[in-house]
Structures are given as C-alpha cells and as structure tokens.
Amino acid sequence: MSPTVTICAPLLLFLASCASTPALSPVADNPPKPASAVRRGEVSEISLEEFFARQQAGKVLIFDARPAIFHSMGHIPGAISLPKHNCDETIAAREAGIKSALAGGKTIVVYCNGPTCQDARTVANHIAGFGHPASIFSGGWDAWKQAGMPVE
C-alpha cells in the first residue's frame, strides 16, 4: 500500500464522520421576537399654535428635515438639522438626547419647507422606527415665517 493511501484513507474517514447532519429541532409556529425588537413610535401632526406654545415653553425637541444648506440660512429657534439623507445615523447618534427630551416631557417636532415637502414625514417615520413618537409640523418653515414667528 502506498504512503498516500495510508495517510488519505483515515483523513477521508475522519472528514466523512464530521459531515453528518445534526438532528433538527421542531420549529414553533410563532417564533419569539428577538430581544432587540423595538416597538414603533407614533407619528402625528401638530398645529402652528400648539407648536409655537410648546416651543416658547421649552417643551419641544425640533428637527429641521430640510437640507443642511437651508438650515444654515435660517431655521426655527432651537431646531437641529436632520436632513433625510442618512438620517438613521444621525438619529442613532442623538438617541440619548432624544430619550432624555422625551423623559422630560418634550414633544419631538419635525418640519421641512411646507405642506408639499415630504421630508418631515420621512424623517418622522425614521424617528418612529427607533421607537420614539414624532409630530410633523406640516406648515413647515414657510408657514412659520409667514406667521411672523421668531427665526434664527
């Protein structure tokens, strides 16, 4: 018998014994959800009057969903720039601040340019995906300015 056969035969037997398939356990009809599953937050609307009153009382965490260039040209006082592009990364980075604001009784408000701009709804839905409630100010920047509200 050749030395190759002497070495290869036991190796093949060993590999074959490792290739056996383990017995499968039965699968439940409703497998448990992973512990990391997050309950989706609610998305609602907020009026100009309620938004302004809460803003003046310091009871809002405001996100500006417009592109950053527009935020830099003017925004609602206290608003944090949160454009829809890569907003999940920004929301994750601000998670502690969002939780703290909510624990302090603040409402999360998201706005963009006006009623035809869907960016506020998009960002609010992403915030809700992290399990936080968010309100959309659909009048947006245009309605805020037209009402003569303070701006930065």
Protein backbone atom coordinates (compact mmCIF):
# COMPACT_ATOMS: atom_id res chain seq x y z
CA MET A 1 0.00 0.00 0.00
CA SER A 2 1.32 3.42 -0.87
CA PRO A 3 2.03 6.01 1.83
CA THR A 4 -0.53 8.37 0.19
CA VAL A 5 -3.35 5.87 0.63
CA THR A 6 -2.28 5.19 4.22
CA ILE A 7 -2.49 8.89 5.09
CA CYS A 8 -5.52 9.82 2.97
CA ALA A 9 -7.83 6.94 3.93
CA PRO A 10 -8.01 7.83 7.67
CA LEU A 11 -8.32 11.52 6.79
CA LEU A 12 -11.27 10.83 4.47
CA LEU A 13 -12.97 8.70 7.14
CA PHE A 14 -12.50 11.48 9.69
CA LEU A 15 -13.93 14.13 7.34
CA ALA A 16 -16.88 11.91 6.47
CA SER A 17 -17.72 11.47 10.15
CA CYS A 18 -17.70 15.26 10.64
CA ALA A 19 -20.12 15.77 7.75
CA SER A 20 -23.08 14.10 9.43
CA THR A 21 -26.06 16.41 9.81
CA PRO A 22 -27.38 17.18 13.28
CA ALA A 23 -30.97 16.39 14.13
CA LEU A 24 -33.28 19.37 13.56
CA SER A 25 -35.42 20.60 16.40
CA PRO A 26 -39.08 21.34 15.71
CA VAL A 27 -39.85 24.96 14.78
CA ALA A 28 -42.60 26.79 16.62
CA ASP A 29 -45.41 28.33 14.58
CA ASN A 30 -44.77 31.72 16.21
CA PRO A 31 -41.08 32.03 17.00
CA PRO A 32 -40.29 34.58 19.73
CA LYS A 33 -39.24 38.04 18.60
CA PRO A 34 -35.62 38.98 19.20
CA ALA A 35 -34.99 40.92 22.38
CA SER A 36 -33.73 43.84 20.31
CA ALA A 37 -37.09 44.38 18.54
CA VAL A 38 -38.25 47.96 19.06
CA ARG A 39 -41.89 48.97 19.18
CA ARG A 40 -42.58 51.61 16.53
CA GLY A 41 -43.34 55.13 17.73
CA GLU A 42 -46.44 57.06 16.71
CA VAL A 43 -46.33 59.77 14.04
CA SER A 44 -48.85 62.60 14.44
CA GLU A 45 -49.45 66.19 13.29
CA ILE A 46 -49.03 69.38 15.32
CA SER A 47 -50.65 72.76 14.59
CA LEU A 48 -48.76 76.03 14.37
CA GLU A 49 -50.44 77.30 17.53
CA GLU A 50 -49.63 74.23 19.61
CA PHE A 51 -46.10 74.04 18.20
CA PHE A 52 -45.40 77.70 18.99
CA ALA A 53 -46.80 77.39 22.54
CA ARG A 54 -44.70 74.29 23.24
CA GLN A 55 -41.63 75.89 21.63
CA GLN A 56 -41.97 79.00 23.79
CA ALA A 57 -42.36 76.81 26.90
CA GLY A 58 -39.22 74.82 26.02
CA LYS A 59 -41.27 71.65 25.59
CA VAL A 60 -40.12 70.59 22.13
CA LEU A 61 -37.13 68.94 20.52
CA ILE A 62 -37.18 70.34 16.99
CA PHE A 63 -35.67 68.69 13.92
CA ASP A 64 -35.32 70.55 10.62
CA ALA A 65 -35.63 67.96 7.82
CA ARG A 66 -34.56 70.39 5.09
CA PRO A 67 -31.13 70.00 3.51
CA ALA A 68 -28.39 71.41 5.79
CA ILE A 69 -27.74 74.38 3.47
CA PHE A 70 -31.29 75.66 4.06
CA HIS A 71 -30.97 75.15 7.81
CA SER A 72 -27.82 77.28 7.78
CA MET A 73 -29.69 80.10 6.02
CA GLY A 74 -32.41 80.21 8.69
CA HIS A 75 -34.44 77.92 10.90
CA ILE A 76 -36.92 77.78 13.76
CA PRO A 77 -35.11 78.67 17.02
CA GLY A 78 -33.58 75.60 18.63
CA ALA A 79 -34.04 73.39 15.56
CA ILE A 80 -31.40 70.75 14.90
CA SER A 81 -30.56 69.97 11.29
CA LEU A 82 -31.67 66.41 10.42
CA PRO A 83 -31.95 66.01 6.64
CA LYS A 84 -33.48 62.76 5.40
CA HIS A 85 -30.22 61.67 3.76
CA ASN A 86 -28.51 59.29 6.24
CA CYS A 87 -30.94 60.35 8.97
CA ASP A 88 -30.77 56.93 10.67
CA GLU A 89 -27.11 57.53 11.53
CA THR A 90 -27.90 60.94 12.99
CA ILE A 91 -30.89 59.63 14.95
CA ALA A 92 -28.75 56.82 16.37
CA ALA A 93 -26.06 59.33 17.36
CA ARG A 94 -28.68 61.52 19.08
CA GLU A 95 -30.51 58.63 20.75
CA ALA A 96 -29.55 59.64 24.31
CA GLY A 97 -30.69 63.23 23.76
CA ILE A 98 -33.97 62.10 22.22
CA LYS A 99 -34.69 59.76 25.14
CA SER A 100 -33.79 62.49 27.63
CA ALA A 101 -36.07 65.01 25.90
CA LEU A 102 -38.98 62.57 25.88
CA ALA A 103 -38.39 61.67 29.53
CA GLY A 104 -38.55 65.41 30.29
CA GLY A 105 -41.98 65.69 28.69
CA LYS A 106 -40.84 67.21 25.40
CA THR A 107 -42.53 66.57 22.07
CA ILE A 108 -40.38 65.75 19.05
CA VAL A 109 -41.38 68.02 16.16
CA VAL A 110 -40.09 67.66 12.60
CA TYR A 111 -40.59 70.23 9.85
CA CYS A 112 -39.40 70.98 6.32
CA ASN A 113 -40.30 73.72 3.79
CA GLY A 114 -44.08 73.46 3.70
CA PRO A 115 -47.13 71.30 3.06
CA THR A 116 -45.84 69.88 -0.22
CA CYS A 117 -42.49 68.80 1.25
CA GLN A 118 -42.50 65.17 2.38
CA ASP A 119 -39.06 65.25 4.06
CA ALA A 120 -40.57 65.94 7.51
CA ARG A 121 -42.81 62.88 7.20
CA THR A 122 -39.87 60.76 6.03
CA VAL A 123 -37.68 61.82 8.97
CA ALA A 124 -40.56 61.45 11.45
CA ASN A 125 -41.13 57.90 10.20
CA HIS A 126 -37.43 57.13 10.72
CA ILE A 127 -37.61 58.52 14.27
CA ALA A 128 -40.72 56.38 14.86
CA GLY A 129 -38.73 53.40 13.60
CA PHE A 130 -36.40 53.92 16.56
CA GLY A 131 -39.43 53.63 18.85
CA HIS A 132 -39.99 57.35 19.50
CA PRO A 133 -43.14 59.39 18.87
CA ALA A 134 -42.77 62.31 16.47
CA SER A 135 -45.07 65.14 15.41
CA ILE A 136 -44.98 66.72 11.97
CA PHE A 137 -45.44 70.45 11.57
CA SER A 138 -46.76 70.26 8.02
CA GLY A 139 -46.91 74.03 7.53
CA GLY A 140 -43.13 73.98 7.74
CA TRP A 141 -40.66 76.80 7.50
CA ASP A 142 -42.89 78.77 5.10
CA ALA A 143 -45.89 78.86 7.48
CA TRP A 144 -43.65 79.65 10.46
CA LYS A 145 -42.12 82.68 8.67
CA GLN A 146 -45.46 83.86 7.22
CA ALA A 147 -46.94 83.86 10.73
CA GLY A 148 -44.15 86.20 11.86
CA MET A 149 -42.70 83.70 14.29
CA PRO A 150 -39.11 84.11 15.57
CA VAL A 151 -36.32 82.68 13.41
CA GLU A 152 -32.59 82.06 13.78
